[in-house]
Amino acid sequence: MLNAWQKIVGPTPDSKNEAENEIIWNNKFVTIAGKSVFYRSWYEAGVKYIKDLTTEDGNLMTLYVFQHTFGIKTHFLQYLGLLNAIPA
């Protein structure tokens, strides 16, 4: 059972590639006010991994690009809040 839990929780990512492949939702490293987050509409639109929030050149998407890429209408504070919750 411990092995299964460790696979779910996982170790701290060691590289940029590992970090980009981290799932955003309910992730202990991606928190707002000390709590992990889950936005169902974003998940259903295909936003699952940190890399989903980046452009092809590796930069974080602007709100405009994000909204047009995923067809999601969201308040800029919600979007920026999530971006700021991702560890650098």
C-alpha atoms as a PDB file:
ATOM      1  CA  MET A   1       0.000   0.000   0.000  1.00  0.00           C
ATOM      2  CA  LEU A   2       2.846   2.390   0.721  1.00  0.00           C
ATOM      3  CA  ASN A   3       4.247   1.869  -2.777  1.00  0.00           C
ATOM      4  CA  ALA A   4       0.879   2.720  -4.308  1.00  0.00           C
ATOM      5  CA  TRP A   5       0.619   5.902  -2.236  1.00  0.00           C
ATOM      6  CA  GLN A   6       4.148   6.938  -3.176  1.00  0.00           C
ATOM      7  CA  LYS A   7       3.261   6.535  -6.857  1.00  0.00           C
ATOM      8  CA  ILE A   8       0.274   8.835  -6.363  1.00  0.00           C
ATOM      9  CA  VAL A   9       2.044  11.447  -4.283  1.00  0.00           C
ATOM     10  CA  GLY A  10       5.409  11.064  -5.989  1.00  0.00           C
ATOM     11  CA  PRO A  11       8.770  12.540  -5.144  1.00  0.00           C
ATOM     12  CA  THR A  12       9.779  16.140  -5.670  1.00  0.00           C
ATOM     13  CA  PRO A  13      10.542  16.754  -9.371  1.00  0.00           C
ATOM     14  CA  ASP A  14      14.289  17.039  -9.979  1.00  0.00           C
ATOM     15  CA  SER A  15      14.395  18.495 -13.478  1.00  0.00           C
ATOM     16  CA  LYS A  16      12.500  20.976 -15.628  1.00  0.00           C
ATOM     17  CA  ASN A  17      11.162  18.095 -17.720  1.00  0.00           C
ATOM     18  CA  GLU A  18       9.872  16.263 -14.631  1.00  0.00           C
ATOM     19  CA  ALA A  19       8.255  19.487 -13.379  1.00  0.00           C
ATOM     20  CA  GLU A  20       6.541  20.146 -16.722  1.00  0.00           C
ATOM     21  CA  ASN A  21       5.067  16.650 -16.647  1.00  0.00           C
ATOM     22  CA  GLU A  22       3.621  17.086 -13.147  1.00  0.00           C
ATOM     23  CA  ILE A  23      -0.158  17.023 -12.970  1.00  0.00           C
ATOM     24  CA  ILE A  24      -1.559  20.355 -11.827  1.00  0.00           C
ATOM     25  CA  TRP A  25      -4.660  19.235  -9.980  1.00  0.00           C
ATOM     26  CA  ASN A  26      -4.564  18.114  -6.354  1.00  0.00           C
ATOM     27  CA  ASN A  27      -0.776  18.370  -6.442  1.00  0.00           C
ATOM     28  CA  LYS A  28       0.904  19.041  -3.094  1.00  0.00           C
ATOM     29  CA  PHE A  29       3.435  21.317  -4.843  1.00  0.00           C
ATOM     30  CA  VAL A  30       0.818  23.476  -6.617  1.00  0.00           C
ATOM     31  CA  THR A  31      -1.115  25.241  -3.877  1.00  0.00           C
ATOM     32  CA  ILE A  32      -3.139  28.381  -3.319  1.00  0.00           C
ATOM     33  CA  ALA A  33      -3.445  29.523   0.297  1.00  0.00           C
ATOM     34  CA  GLY A  34      -1.823  26.250   1.342  1.00  0.00           C
ATOM     35  CA  LYS A  35      -4.349  24.038  -0.450  1.00  0.00           C
ATOM     36  CA  SER A  36      -4.079  22.083  -3.683  1.00  0.00           C
ATOM     37  CA  VAL A  37      -6.514  23.127  -6.387  1.00  0.00           C
ATOM     38  CA  PHE A  38      -8.862  21.558  -8.900  1.00  0.00           C
ATOM     39  CA  TYR A  39     -10.784  23.433 -11.589  1.00  0.00           C
ATOM     40  CA  ARG A  40     -13.140  20.892 -13.134  1.00  0.00           C
ATOM     41  CA  SER A  41     -13.882  22.961 -16.263  1.00  0.00           C
ATOM     42  CA  TRP A  42     -10.171  23.347 -16.979  1.00  0.00           C
ATOM     43  CA  TYR A  43      -9.558  19.644 -16.467  1.00  0.00           C
ATOM     44  CA  GLU A  44     -12.429  18.764 -18.797  1.00  0.00           C
ATOM     45  CA  ALA A  45     -11.010  21.165 -21.410  1.00  0.00           C
ATOM     46  CA  GLY A  46      -7.704  19.268 -21.378  1.00  0.00           C
ATOM     47  CA  VAL A  47      -5.602  21.226 -18.872  1.00  0.00           C
ATOM     48  CA  LYS A  48      -3.930  18.497 -16.860  1.00  0.00           C
ATOM     49  CA  TYR A  49      -0.173  19.022 -16.719  1.00  0.00           C
ATOM     50  CA  ILE A  50       2.027  22.041 -16.079  1.00  0.00           C
ATOM     51  CA  LYS A  51       3.282  21.743 -19.656  1.00  0.00           C
ATOM     52  CA  ASP A  52      -0.303  22.393 -20.813  1.00  0.00           C
ATOM     53  CA  LEU A  53       0.126  25.971 -19.584  1.00  0.00           C
ATOM     54  CA  THR A  54       3.253  26.590 -21.662  1.00  0.00           C
ATOM     55  CA  THR A  55       3.845  27.635 -25.249  1.00  0.00           C
ATOM     56  CA  GLU A  56       6.006  25.690 -27.679  1.00  0.00           C
ATOM     57  CA  ASP A  57       9.042  27.760 -26.666  1.00  0.00           C
ATOM     58  CA  GLY A  58       8.544  26.861 -22.983  1.00  0.00           C
ATOM     59  CA  ASN A  59       7.115  30.152 -21.727  1.00  0.00           C
ATOM     60  CA  LEU A  60       3.899  30.346 -19.748  1.00  0.00           C
ATOM     61  CA  MET A  61       0.868  31.188 -21.883  1.00  0.00           C
ATOM     62  CA  THR A  62      -0.715  34.589 -21.634  1.00  0.00           C
ATOM     63  CA  LEU A  63      -4.325  34.609 -20.497  1.00  0.00           C
ATOM     64  CA  TYR A  64      -5.421  35.402 -24.053  1.00  0.00           C
ATOM     65  CA  VAL A  65      -3.509  32.445 -25.535  1.00  0.00           C
ATOM     66  CA  PHE A  66      -4.732  30.144 -22.761  1.00  0.00           C
ATOM     67  CA  GLN A  67      -8.369  31.091 -23.309  1.00  0.00           C
ATOM     68  CA  HIS A  68      -8.162  30.622 -27.060  1.00  0.00           C
ATOM     69  CA  THR A  69      -6.178  27.386 -26.857  1.00  0.00           C
ATOM     70  CA  PHE A  70      -8.568  25.663 -24.460  1.00  0.00           C
ATOM     71  CA  GLY A  71     -11.799  27.574 -25.091  1.00  0.00           C
ATOM     72  CA  ILE A  72     -12.012  28.513 -21.422  1.00  0.00           C
ATOM     73  CA  LYS A  73     -13.329  31.816 -20.149  1.00  0.00           C
ATOM     74  CA  THR A  74     -11.782  32.598 -16.804  1.00  0.00           C
ATOM     75  CA  HIS A  75     -10.995  35.648 -14.728  1.00  0.00           C
ATOM     76  CA  PHE A  76      -7.402  36.823 -15.031  1.00  0.00           C
ATOM     77  CA  LEU A  77      -6.938  36.580 -11.250  1.00  0.00           C
ATOM     78  CA  GLN A  78      -7.844  32.889 -11.290  1.00  0.00           C
ATOM     79  CA  TYR A  79      -5.402  32.239 -14.129  1.00  0.00           C
ATOM     80  CA  LEU A  80      -2.570  34.272 -12.629  1.00  0.00           C
ATOM     81  CA  GLY A  81      -3.260  32.740  -9.225  1.00  0.00           C
ATOM     82  CA  LEU A  82      -2.687  29.277 -10.628  1.00  0.00           C
ATOM     83  CA  LEU A  83       0.445  30.335 -12.504  1.00  0.00           C
ATOM     84  CA  ASN A  84       1.830  31.839  -9.294  1.00  0.00           C
ATOM     85  CA  ALA A  85       1.012  28.646  -7.410  1.00  0.00           C
ATOM     86  CA  ILE A  86       3.394  26.661  -9.620  1.00  0.00           C
ATOM     87  CA  PRO A  87       6.835  26.498  -7.997  1.00  0.00           C
ATOM     88  CA  ALA A  88       9.598  28.173  -9.979  1.00  0.00           C
END
